[in-house]
Protein backbone atom coordinates (compact mmCIF):
# COMPACT_ATOMS: atom_id res chain seq x y z
CA MET A 1 0.01 0.00 0.00
CA ARG A 2 2.86 2.33 0.84
CA ASP A 3 4.29 1.91 -2.66
CA ALA A 4 0.91 2.61 -4.25
CA ILE A 5 0.61 5.83 -2.27
CA ALA A 6 4.15 6.91 -3.17
CA GLN A 7 3.56 6.18 -6.90
CA SER A 8 0.29 8.11 -6.93
CA LYS A 9 1.98 11.29 -5.69
CA LEU A 10 -0.72 11.87 -3.08
CA ASP A 11 -0.06 14.75 -0.74
CA THR A 12 -3.31 14.72 1.28
CA ILE A 13 -5.12 11.95 3.19
CA VAL A 14 -8.50 12.27 4.88
CA LEU A 15 -8.76 10.39 8.16
CA ALA A 16 -12.34 9.29 7.53
CA CYS A 17 -12.71 6.82 10.40
CA THR A 18 -13.00 7.88 14.01
CA HIS A 19 -10.08 5.72 15.09
CA PHE A 20 -7.51 6.96 12.52
CA PRO A 21 -6.65 10.14 14.51
CA LEU A 22 -5.51 7.83 17.30
CA ILE A 23 -2.71 6.54 15.06
CA ILE A 24 -1.88 9.74 13.18
CA GLU A 25 1.66 9.81 14.61
CA PHE A 26 2.33 6.30 13.29
CA LEU A 27 0.75 7.07 9.91
CA SER A 28 2.74 10.25 9.44
CA GLU A 29 5.98 8.42 10.28
CA GLN A 30 5.17 5.70 7.73
CA LEU A 31 4.07 8.18 5.04
CA PRO A 32 6.36 11.18 5.33
CA GLU A 33 5.51 12.32 1.79
CA ILE A 34 1.96 13.15 2.87
CA ARG A 35 1.87 16.88 3.60
CA HIS A 36 -1.76 17.28 4.69
CA TRP A 37 -3.77 15.10 7.07
CA VAL A 38 -7.50 15.99 7.27
CA ASP A 39 -9.00 14.90 10.58
CA SER A 40 -12.80 14.57 10.37
CA GLY A 41 -13.17 14.07 14.14
CA ASP A 42 -14.30 17.65 14.85
CA ALA A 43 -16.94 17.50 12.13
CA ILE A 44 -18.19 14.14 13.42
CA ALA A 45 -18.36 15.50 16.98
CA ARG A 46 -20.38 18.51 15.80
CA ARG A 47 -22.77 16.23 13.91
CA VAL A 48 -23.24 13.93 16.93
CA ALA A 49 -23.91 16.95 19.15
CA TRP A 50 -26.47 18.28 16.68
CA CYS A 51 -28.18 14.87 16.48
CA LEU A 52 -28.37 14.64 20.25
CA GLN A 53 -29.81 18.15 20.45
CA GLN A 54 -32.49 17.19 17.92
CA GLN A 55 -33.34 14.09 19.97
CA GLU A 56 -33.52 16.12 23.19
CA ALA A 57 -35.83 18.68 21.53
CA GLN A 58 -38.49 16.02 21.09
CA PRO A 59 -40.90 15.84 24.03
CA SER A 60 -40.65 12.71 26.08
CA PRO A 61 -43.26 11.22 28.37
CA PRO A 62 -42.78 11.68 32.10
CA ALA A 63 -40.62 9.00 33.64
CA THR A 64 -42.46 6.66 35.91
CA SER A 65 -39.68 4.13 36.19
CA PRO A 66 -35.97 3.93 35.40
CA PRO A 67 -35.32 4.19 31.65
CA PRO A 68 -34.82 0.90 29.81
CA ASN A 69 -31.47 -0.17 28.46
CA ILE A 70 -31.70 1.26 24.96
CA ALA A 71 -29.23 0.87 22.09
CA LEU A 72 -29.65 3.76 19.64
CA PHE A 73 -28.67 3.61 15.99
CA THR A 74 -29.02 6.01 13.07
CA ARG A 75 -30.79 3.27 11.14
CA LEU A 76 -31.98 -0.28 11.69
CA ASP A 77 -30.59 -2.74 9.14
CA GLU A 78 -29.00 -6.14 8.84
CA ASN A 79 -25.82 -4.90 10.55
CA VAL A 80 -27.79 -3.92 13.64
CA LYS A 81 -29.66 -7.22 13.52
CA ALA A 82 -26.30 -8.99 13.59
CA LEU A 83 -25.41 -7.10 16.78
CA GLU A 84 -28.52 -8.07 18.73
CA ARG A 85 -26.90 -10.98 20.56
CA ALA A 86 -23.84 -8.96 21.60
CA LEU A 87 -26.04 -6.05 22.70
CA GLY A 88 -28.10 -8.46 24.78
CA TYR A 89 -24.93 -9.48 26.61
CA PHE A 90 -24.81 -5.90 27.91
CA ASP A 91 -28.56 -5.97 28.65
CA LEU A 92 -29.25 -3.62 25.73
CA THR A 93 -32.44 -5.26 24.59
CA ASP A 94 -34.40 -2.24 23.41
CA ILE A 95 -32.94 -1.44 19.99
CA GLN A 96 -34.18 1.80 18.45
CA ALA A 97 -33.39 4.14 15.56
CA LEU A 98 -32.90 7.81 16.30
CA ASN A 99 -35.77 9.83 14.88
CA LEU A 100 -33.76 12.56 13.16
CA PRO A 101 -34.91 15.12 10.66
CA PRO A 102 -33.15 15.02 7.31
CA THR A 103 -29.96 17.07 7.09
CA LYS A 104 -29.88 20.33 5.18
CA HIS A 105 -27.22 20.54 2.49
């Protein structure tokens, strides 16, 4: 992979996964020819904060008992279905999708 990057004459890499910034020092040592590293972590954090604010803005019924153990996802699909057993291990049996308005672009 290193050779492919060197041959392509790339000078910028976007760290598009949340865990990549954790290894940026290693990556920059391995790829010294890369001049620009774009960390998407701040943008992701802003989006998560916005999503949580939208969720909090929705009225909720008064609590009469402790809240259930809920696992929240941005969508429910086959990947979430595959996680049900593991989530159950942590007593996260109520699996829900966040009810978010569409984003404005």
